[in-house]
Amino acid sequence: RQTAETTVTVALDLDGTGAAKISTGIGFLDHMLEL
């Protein structure tokens, strides 16, 4: 998704192992998405 406010890309595998690579610029949100 790209707007004048943000650019966001998400890739996922619902049947994965829980591996995460997160970078939002918001430290606490990164932590929550890793969890």
PDB file of all heavy atoms in Angstrom:
ATOM      1  N   ARG A   1       0.870  -1.187   0.000  1.00  0.00           N
ATOM      2  CA  ARG A   1       0.000   0.000   0.000  1.00  0.00           C
ATOM      3  C   ARG A   1       0.902   1.230   0.000  1.00  0.00           C
ATOM      4  O   ARG A   1       1.847   1.309   0.796  1.00  0.00           O
ATOM      5  CB  ARG A   1      -0.896  -0.019   1.237  1.00  0.00           C
ATOM      6  CG  ARG A   1      -1.733   1.256   1.476  1.00  0.00           C
ATOM      7  CD  ARG A   1      -2.500   1.112   2.782  1.00  0.00           C
ATOM      8  NE  ARG A   1      -3.183   2.336   3.183  1.00  0.00           N
ATOM      9  CZ  ARG A   1      -4.446   2.632   2.886  1.00  0.00           C
ATOM     10  NH1 ARG A   1      -5.167   1.779   2.183  1.00  0.00           N
ATOM     11  NH2 ARG A   1      -4.991   3.760   3.309  1.00  0.00           N
ATOM     12  N   GLN A   2       0.606   2.159  -0.893  1.00  0.00           N
ATOM     13  CA  GLN A   2       1.375   3.397  -0.932  1.00  0.00           C
ATOM     14  C   GLN A   2       0.417   4.574  -0.997  1.00  0.00           C
ATOM     15  O   GLN A   2      -0.486   4.617  -1.849  1.00  0.00           O
ATOM     16  CB  GLN A   2       2.325   3.427  -2.133  1.00  0.00           C
ATOM     17  CG  GLN A   2       3.218   4.654  -2.140  1.00  0.00           C
ATOM     18  CD  GLN A   2       4.406   4.525  -3.077  1.00  0.00           C
ATOM     19  OE1 GLN A   2       4.583   3.510  -3.728  1.00  0.00           O
ATOM     20  NE2 GLN A   2       5.232   5.553  -3.127  1.00  0.00           N
ATOM     21  N   THR A   3       0.582   5.505  -0.079  1.00  0.00           N
ATOM     22  CA  THR A   3      -0.201   6.730  -0.052  1.00  0.00           C
ATOM     23  C   THR A   3       0.749   7.897   0.167  1.00  0.00           C
ATOM     24  O   THR A   3       1.969   7.715   0.287  1.00  0.00           O
ATOM     25  CB  THR A   3      -1.249   6.707   1.083  1.00  0.00           C
ATOM     26  OG1 THR A   3      -0.573   6.839   2.341  1.00  0.00           O
ATOM     27  CG2 THR A   3      -2.063   5.420   1.076  1.00  0.00           C
ATOM     28  N   ALA A   4       0.193   9.083   0.235  1.00  0.00           N
ATOM     29  CA  ALA A   4       1.018  10.254   0.529  1.00  0.00           C
ATOM     30  C   ALA A   4       1.544  10.228   1.955  1.00  0.00           C
ATOM     31  O   ALA A   4       2.478  10.971   2.295  1.00  0.00           O
ATOM     32  CB  ALA A   4       0.205  11.531   0.297  1.00  0.00           C
ATOM     33  N   GLU A   5       0.952   9.345   2.796  1.00  0.00           N
ATOM     34  CA  GLU A   5       1.329   9.291   4.210  1.00  0.00           C
ATOM     35  C   GLU A   5       2.254   8.126   4.550  1.00  0.00           C
ATOM     36  O   GLU A   5       3.099   8.250   5.440  1.00  0.00           O
ATOM     37  CB  GLU A   5       0.061   9.194   5.066  1.00  0.00           C
ATOM     38  CG  GLU A   5      -0.845  10.395   4.909  1.00  0.00           C
ATOM     39  CD  GLU A   5      -2.236  10.177   5.478  1.00  0.00           C
ATOM     40  OE1 GLU A   5      -2.628   9.010   5.673  1.00  0.00           O
ATOM     41  OE2 GLU A   5      -2.931  11.183   5.720  1.00  0.00           O
ATOM     42  N   THR A   6       2.083   6.997   3.842  1.00  0.00           N
ATOM     43  CA  THR A   6       2.852   5.796   4.187  1.00  0.00           C
ATOM     44  C   THR A   6       3.155   4.956   2.954  1.00  0.00           C
ATOM     45  O   THR A   6       2.453   5.030   1.942  1.00  0.00           O
ATOM     46  CB  THR A   6       2.091   4.887   5.176  1.00  0.00           C
ATOM     47  OG1 THR A   6       0.925   4.358   4.531  1.00  0.00           O
ATOM     48  CG2 THR A   6       1.710   5.618   6.447  1.00  0.00           C
ATOM     49  N   THR A   7       4.187   4.134   3.094  1.00  0.00           N
ATOM     50  CA  THR A   7       4.479   3.053   2.152  1.00  0.00           C
ATOM     51  C   THR A   7       4.665   1.796   2.987  1.00  0.00           C
ATOM     52  O   THR A   7       5.533   1.765   3.871  1.00  0.00           O
ATOM     53  CB  THR A   7       5.751   3.332   1.333  1.00  0.00           C
ATOM     54  OG1 THR A   7       5.566   4.545   0.591  1.00  0.00           O
ATOM     55  CG2 THR A   7       6.033   2.186   0.371  1.00  0.00           C
ATOM     56  N   VAL A   8       3.831   0.783   2.721  1.00  0.00           N
ATOM     57  CA  VAL A   8       3.835  -0.435   3.549  1.00  0.00           C
ATOM     58  C   VAL A   8       3.862  -1.662   2.645  1.00  0.00           C
ATOM     59  O   VAL A   8       3.098  -1.744   1.674  1.00  0.00           O
ATOM     60  CB  VAL A   8       2.588  -0.506   4.456  1.00  0.00           C
ATOM     61  CG1 VAL A   8       2.630  -1.770   5.313  1.00  0.00           C
ATOM     62  CG2 VAL A   8       2.475   0.730   5.331  1.00  0.00           C
ATOM     63  N   THR A   9       4.724  -2.614   2.980  1.00  0.00           N
ATOM     64  CA  THR A   9       4.754  -3.905   2.301  1.00  0.00           C
ATOM     65  C   THR A   9       4.741  -5.002   3.356  1.00  0.00           C
ATOM     66  O   THR A   9       5.485  -4.928   4.344  1.00  0.00           O
ATOM     67  CB  THR A   9       5.998  -4.058   1.419  1.00  0.00           C
ATOM     68  OG1 THR A   9       5.990  -3.029   0.422  1.00  0.00           O
ATOM     69  CG2 THR A   9       6.015  -5.422   0.727  1.00  0.00           C
ATOM     70  N   VAL A  10       3.898  -6.014   3.141  1.00  0.00           N
ATOM     71  CA  VAL A  10       3.789  -7.150   4.054  1.00  0.00           C
ATOM     72  C   VAL A  10       3.882  -8.439   3.246  1.00  0.00           C
ATOM     73  O   VAL A  10       3.226  -8.571   2.201  1.00  0.00           O
ATOM     74  CB  VAL A  10       2.455  -7.127   4.832  1.00  0.00           C
ATOM     75  CG1 VAL A  10       2.247  -8.439   5.594  1.00  0.00           C
ATOM     76  CG2 VAL A  10       2.405  -5.946   5.781  1.00  0.00           C
ATOM     77  N   ALA A  11       4.682  -9.375   3.711  1.00  0.00           N
ATOM     78  CA  ALA A  11       4.732 -10.726   3.157  1.00  0.00           C
ATOM     79  C   ALA A  11       4.567 -11.697   4.310  1.00  0.00           C
ATOM     80  O   ALA A  11       5.146 -11.491   5.389  1.00  0.00           O
ATOM     81  CB  ALA A  11       6.050 -10.980   2.432  1.00  0.00           C
ATOM     82  N   LEU A  12       3.769 -12.756   4.096  1.00  0.00           N
ATOM     83  CA  LEU A  12       3.556 -13.708   5.192  1.00  0.00           C
ATOM     84  C   LEU A  12       3.292 -15.116   4.687  1.00  0.00           C
ATOM     85  O   LEU A  12       2.930 -15.331   3.529  1.00  0.00           O
ATOM     86  CB  LEU A  12       2.409 -13.251   6.100  1.00  0.00           C
ATOM     87  CG  LEU A  12       1.008 -13.028   5.521  1.00  0.00           C
ATOM     88  CD1 LEU A  12       0.284 -14.332   5.248  1.00  0.00           C
ATOM     89  CD2 LEU A  12       0.180 -12.191   6.482  1.00  0.00           C
ATOM     90  N   ASP A  13       3.515 -16.047   5.584  1.00  0.00           N
ATOM     91  CA  ASP A  13       3.199 -17.464   5.386  1.00  0.00           C
ATOM     92  C   ASP A  13       2.453 -17.910   6.628  1.00  0.00           C
ATOM     93  O   ASP A  13       3.028 -17.941   7.719  1.00  0.00           O
ATOM     94  CB  ASP A  13       4.483 -18.275   5.192  1.00  0.00           C
ATOM     95  CG  ASP A  13       4.232 -19.761   4.954  1.00  0.00           C
ATOM     96  OD1 ASP A  13       3.081 -20.227   5.112  1.00  0.00           O
ATOM     97  OD2 ASP A  13       5.202 -20.469   4.620  1.00  0.00           O
ATOM     98  N   LEU A  14       1.160 -18.230   6.474  1.00  0.00           N
ATOM     99  CA  LEU A  14       0.346 -18.611   7.621  1.00  0.00           C
ATOM    100  C   LEU A  14       0.799 -19.923   8.249  1.00  0.00           C
ATOM    101  O   LEU A  14       0.469 -20.198   9.409  1.00  0.00           O
ATOM    102  CB  LEU A  14      -1.124 -18.731   7.206  1.00  0.00           C
ATOM    103  CG  LEU A  14      -1.808 -17.447   6.727  1.00  0.00           C
ATOM    104  CD1 LEU A  14      -3.258 -17.741   6.382  1.00  0.00           C
ATOM    105  CD2 LEU A  14      -1.708 -16.335   7.767  1.00  0.00           C
ATOM    106  N   ASP A  15       1.535 -20.730   7.514  1.00  0.00           N
ATOM    107  CA  ASP A  15       1.978 -22.032   8.016  1.00  0.00           C
ATOM    108  C   ASP A  15       3.483 -22.039   8.240  1.00  0.00           C
ATOM    109  O   ASP A  15       4.187 -22.991   7.895  1.00  0.00           O
ATOM    110  CB  ASP A  15       1.563 -23.129   7.028  1.00  0.00           C
ATOM    111  CG  ASP A  15       0.059 -23.164   6.829  1.00  0.00           C
ATOM    112  OD1 ASP A  15      -0.659 -23.312   7.827  1.00  0.00           O
ATOM    113  OD2 ASP A  15      -0.398 -23.019   5.683  1.00  0.00           O
ATOM    114  N   GLY A  16       3.965 -20.978   8.841  1.00  0.00           N
ATOM    115  CA  GLY A  16       5.393 -20.822   9.058  1.00  0.00           C
ATOM    116  C   GLY A  16       5.838 -21.302  10.422  1.00  0.00           C
ATOM    117  O   GLY A  16       5.192 -22.138  11.066  1.00  0.00           O
ATOM    118  N   THR A  17       6.937 -20.721  10.886  1.00  0.00           N
ATOM    119  CA  THR A  17       7.538 -21.112  12.167  1.00  0.00           C
ATOM    120  C   THR A  17       7.560 -19.960  13.166  1.00  0.00           C
ATOM    121  O   THR A  17       8.039 -20.117  14.281  1.00  0.00           O
ATOM    122  CB  THR A  17       8.977 -21.598  11.954  1.00  0.00           C
ATOM    123  OG1 THR A  17       9.765 -20.517  11.417  1.00  0.00           O
ATOM    124  CG2 THR A  17       9.019 -22.796  10.999  1.00  0.00           C
ATOM    125  N   GLY A  18       7.062 -18.790  12.737  1.00  0.00           N
ATOM    126  CA  GLY A  18       7.087 -17.630  13.614  1.00  0.00           C
ATOM    127  C   GLY A  18       8.252 -16.696  13.361  1.00  0.00           C
ATOM    128  O   GLY A  18       8.496 -15.786  14.156  1.00  0.00           O
ATOM    129  N   ALA A  19       8.963 -16.892  12.247  1.00  0.00           N
ATOM    130  CA  ALA A  19      10.072 -16.004  11.908  1.00  0.00           C
ATOM    131  C   ALA A  19       9.533 -14.620  11.564  1.00  0.00           C
ATOM    132  O   ALA A  19       8.510 -14.494  10.887  1.00  0.00           O
ATOM    133  CB  ALA A  19      10.865 -16.569  10.740  1.00  0.00           C
ATOM    134  N   ALA A  20      10.228 -13.576  12.008  1.00  0.00           N
ATOM    135  CA  ALA A  20       9.744 -12.223  11.786  1.00  0.00           C
ATOM    136  C   ALA A  20      10.885 -11.288  11.409  1.00  0.00           C
ATOM    137  O   ALA A  20      11.980 -11.357  11.961  1.00  0.00           O
ATOM    138  CB  ALA A  20       9.042 -11.693  13.035  1.00  0.00           C
ATOM    139  N   LYS A  21      10.585 -10.416  10.454  1.00  0.00           N
ATOM    140  CA  LYS A  21      11.489  -9.330  10.074  1.00  0.00           C
ATOM    141  C   LYS A  21      10.620  -8.082   9.969  1.00  0.00           C
ATOM    142  O   LYS A  21       9.884  -7.916   8.994  1.00  0.00           O
ATOM    143  CB  LYS A  21      12.182  -9.639   8.751  1.00  0.00           C
ATOM    144  CG  LYS A  21      13.200  -8.600   8.339  1.00  0.00           C
ATOM    145  CD  LYS A  21      13.869  -8.983   7.035  1.00  0.00           C
ATOM    146  CE  LYS A  21      14.886  -7.915   6.609  1.00  0.00           C
ATOM    147  NZ  LYS A  21      15.508  -8.268   5.295  1.00  0.00           N
ATOM    148  N   ILE A  22      10.673  -7.249  10.989  1.00  0.00           N
ATOM    149  CA  ILE A  22       9.724  -6.148  11.136  1.00  0.00           C
ATOM    150  C   ILE A  22      10.460  -4.811  11.214  1.00  0.00           C
ATOM    151  O   ILE A  22      11.408  -4.668  11.994  1.00  0.00           O
ATOM    152  CB  ILE A  22       8.867  -6.305  12.415  1.00  0.00           C
ATOM    153  CG1 ILE A  22       8.314  -7.730  12.554  1.00  0.00           C
ATOM    154  CG2 ILE A  22       7.768  -5.261  12.441  1.00  0.00           C
ATOM    155  CD1 ILE A  22       7.308  -8.129  11.522  1.00  0.00           C
ATOM    156  N   SER A  23      10.014  -3.850  10.412  1.00  0.00           N
ATOM    157  CA  SER A  23      10.570  -2.502  10.488  1.00  0.00           C
ATOM    158  C   SER A  23       9.473  -1.503  10.151  1.00  0.00           C
ATOM    159  O   SER A  23       9.108  -1.333   8.989  1.00  0.00           O
ATOM    160  CB  SER A  23      11.742  -2.339   9.514  1.00  0.00           C
ATOM    161  OG  SER A  23      12.239  -1.015   9.566  1.00  0.00           O
ATOM    162  N   THR A  24       8.913  -0.869  11.188  1.00  0.00           N
ATOM    163  CA  THR A  24       7.853   0.117  10.983  1.00  0.00           C
ATOM    164  C   THR A  24       8.277   1.529  11.386  1.00  0.00           C
ATOM    165  O   THR A  24       7.556   2.482  11.115  1.00  0.00           O
ATOM    166  CB  THR A  24       6.594  -0.243  11.796  1.00  0.00           C
ATOM    167  OG1 THR A  24       6.877  -0.096  13.198  1.00  0.00           O
ATOM    168  CG2 THR A  24       6.124  -1.657  11.500  1.00  0.00           C
ATOM    169  N   GLY A  25       9.413   1.639  12.054  1.00  0.00           N
ATOM    170  CA  GLY A  25       9.819   2.923  12.603  1.00  0.00           C
ATOM    171  C   GLY A  25       9.216   3.211  13.967  1.00  0.00           C
ATOM    172  O   GLY A  25       9.518   4.234  14.573  1.00  0.00           O
ATOM    173  N   ILE A  26       8.357   2.298  14.442  1.00  0.00           N
ATOM    174  CA  ILE A  26       7.730   2.424  15.760  1.00  0.00           C
ATOM    175  C   ILE A  26       8.173   1.225  16.587  1.00  0.00           C
ATOM    176  O   ILE A  26       7.719   0.100  16.360  1.00  0.00           O
ATOM    177  CB  ILE A  26       6.191   2.466  15.651  1.00  0.00           C
ATOM    178  CG1 ILE A  26       5.747   3.598  14.723  1.00  0.00           C
ATOM    179  CG2 ILE A  26       5.569   2.630  17.036  1.00  0.00           C
ATOM    180  CD1 ILE A  26       4.269   3.572  14.386  1.00  0.00           C
ATOM    181  N   GLY A  27       9.050   1.450  17.530  1.00  0.00           N
ATOM    182  CA  GLY A  27       9.673   0.356  18.264  1.00  0.00           C
ATOM    183  C   GLY A  27       8.677  -0.562  18.940  1.00  0.00           C
ATOM    184  O   GLY A  27       8.794  -1.794  18.858  1.00  0.00           O
ATOM    185  N   PHE A  28       7.689   0.005  19.607  1.00  0.00           N
ATOM    186  CA  PHE A  28       6.751  -0.844  20.344  1.00  0.00           C
ATOM    187  C   PHE A  28       5.867  -1.641  19.383  1.00  0.00           C
ATOM    188  O   PHE A  28       5.557  -2.805  19.654  1.00  0.00           O
ATOM    189  CB  PHE A  28       5.873  -0.015  21.287  1.00  0.00           C
ATOM    190  CG  PHE A  28       5.103  -0.865  22.261  1.00  0.00           C
ATOM    191  CD1 PHE A  28       5.728  -1.406  23.370  1.00  0.00           C
ATOM    192  CD2 PHE A  28       3.764  -1.150  22.054  1.00  0.00           C
ATOM    193  CE1 PHE A  28       5.033  -2.220  24.267  1.00  0.00           C
ATOM    194  CE2 PHE A  28       3.055  -1.948  22.942  1.00  0.00           C
ATOM    195  CZ  PHE A  28       3.689  -2.486  24.047  1.00  0.00           C
ATOM    196  N   LEU A  29       5.477  -1.052  18.266  1.00  0.00           N
ATOM    197  CA  LEU A  29       4.694  -1.790  17.276  1.00  0.00           C
ATOM    198  C   LEU A  29       5.514  -2.922  16.676  1.00  0.00           C
ATOM    199  O   LEU A  29       4.994  -4.035  16.472  1.00  0.00           O
ATOM    200  CB  LEU A  29       4.197  -0.848  16.178  1.00  0.00           C
ATOM    201  CG  LEU A  29       3.307  -1.472  15.102  1.00  0.00           C
ATOM    202  CD1 LEU A  29       2.059  -2.110  15.700  1.00  0.00           C
ATOM    203  CD2 LEU A  29       2.937  -0.438  14.046  1.00  0.00           C
ATOM    204  N   ASP A  30       6.784  -2.681  16.413  1.00  0.00           N
ATOM    205  CA  ASP A  30       7.665  -3.762  15.943  1.00  0.00           C
ATOM    206  C   ASP A  30       7.644  -4.930  16.924  1.00  0.00           C
ATOM    207  O   ASP A  30       7.533  -6.098  16.535  1.00  0.00           O
ATOM    208  CB  ASP A  30       9.105  -3.265  15.799  1.00  0.00           C
ATOM    209  CG  ASP A  30       9.302  -2.335  14.612  1.00  0.00           C
ATOM    210  OD1 ASP A  30       8.341  -2.112  13.852  1.00  0.00           O
ATOM    211  OD2 ASP A  30      10.430  -1.829  14.462  1.00  0.00           O
ATOM    212  N   HIS A  31       7.751  -4.614  18.196  1.00  0.00           N
ATOM    213  CA  HIS A  31       7.759  -5.640  19.246  1.00  0.00           C
ATOM    214  C   HIS A  31       6.453  -6.431  19.241  1.00  0.00           C
ATOM    215  O   HIS A  31       6.452  -7.663  19.315  1.00  0.00           O
ATOM    216  CB  HIS A  31       7.979  -4.965  20.604  1.00  0.00           C
ATOM    217  CG  HIS A  31       7.997  -5.879  21.772  1.00  0.00           C
ATOM    218  ND1 HIS A  31       8.657  -7.096  21.777  1.00  0.00           N
ATOM    219  CD2 HIS A  31       7.412  -5.760  23.008  1.00  0.00           C
ATOM    220  CE1 HIS A  31       8.490  -7.679  22.953  1.00  0.00           C
ATOM    221  NE2 HIS A  31       7.727  -6.899  23.709  1.00  0.00           N
ATOM    222  N   MET A  32       5.319  -5.739  19.106  1.00  0.00           N
ATOM    223  CA  MET A  32       4.024  -6.421  19.109  1.00  0.00           C
ATOM    224  C   MET A  32       3.863  -7.312  17.880  1.00  0.00           C
ATOM    225  O   MET A  32       3.320  -8.431  17.973  1.00  0.00           O
ATOM    226  CB  MET A  32       2.883  -5.400  19.151  1.00  0.00           C
ATOM    227  CG  MET A  32       2.787  -4.599  20.437  1.00  0.00           C
ATOM    228  SD  MET A  32       2.486  -5.604  21.929  1.00  0.00           S
ATOM    229  CE  MET A  32       4.158  -5.664  22.629  1.00  0.00           C
ATOM    230  N   LEU A  33       4.350  -6.867  16.730  1.00  0.00           N
ATOM    231  CA  LEU A  33       4.243  -7.676  15.513  1.00  0.00           C
ATOM    232  C   LEU A  33       5.175  -8.884  15.562  1.00  0.00           C
ATOM    233  O   LEU A  33       4.839  -9.955  15.034  1.00  0.00           O
ATOM    234  CB  LEU A  33       4.536  -6.817  14.285  1.00  0.00           C
ATOM    235  CG  LEU A  33       3.506  -5.721  14.005  1.00  0.00           C
ATOM    236  CD1 LEU A  33       3.955  -4.842  12.843  1.00  0.00           C
ATOM    237  CD2 LEU A  33       2.128  -6.311  13.730  1.00  0.00           C
ATOM    238  N   GLU A  34       6.319  -8.737  16.198  1.00  0.00           N
ATOM    239  CA  GLU A  34       7.199  -9.893  16.401  1.00  0.00           C
ATOM    240  C   GLU A  34       6.526 -10.930  17.291  1.00  0.00           C
ATOM    241  O   GLU A  34       6.592 -12.145  17.028  1.00  0.00           O
ATOM    242  CB  GLU A  34       8.526  -9.437  17.014  1.00  0.00           C
ATOM    243  CG  GLU A  34       9.404  -8.662  16.052  1.00  0.00           C
ATOM    244  CD  GLU A  34      10.525  -7.908  16.733  1.00  0.00           C
ATOM    245  OE1 GLU A  34      10.607  -7.959  17.986  1.00  0.00           O
ATOM    246  OE2 GLU A  34      11.312  -7.244  16.023  1.00  0.00           O
ATOM    247  N   LEU A  35       5.834 -10.485  18.348  1.00  0.00           N
ATOM    248  CA  LEU A  35       5.086 -11.392  19.211  1.00  0.00           C
ATOM    249  C   LEU A  35       3.945 -12.060  18.442  1.00  0.00           C
ATOM    250  O   LEU A  35       3.695 -13.260  18.600  1.00  0.00           O
ATOM    251  CB  LEU A  35       4.501 -10.629  20.403  1.00  0.00           C
ATOM    252  CG  LEU A  35       5.472 -10.022  21.409  1.00  0.00           C
ATOM    253  CD1 LEU A  35       4.703  -9.171  22.412  1.00  0.00           C
ATOM    254  CD2 LEU A  35       6.265 -11.105  22.110  1.00  0.00           C
TER     255      LEU A  35
END
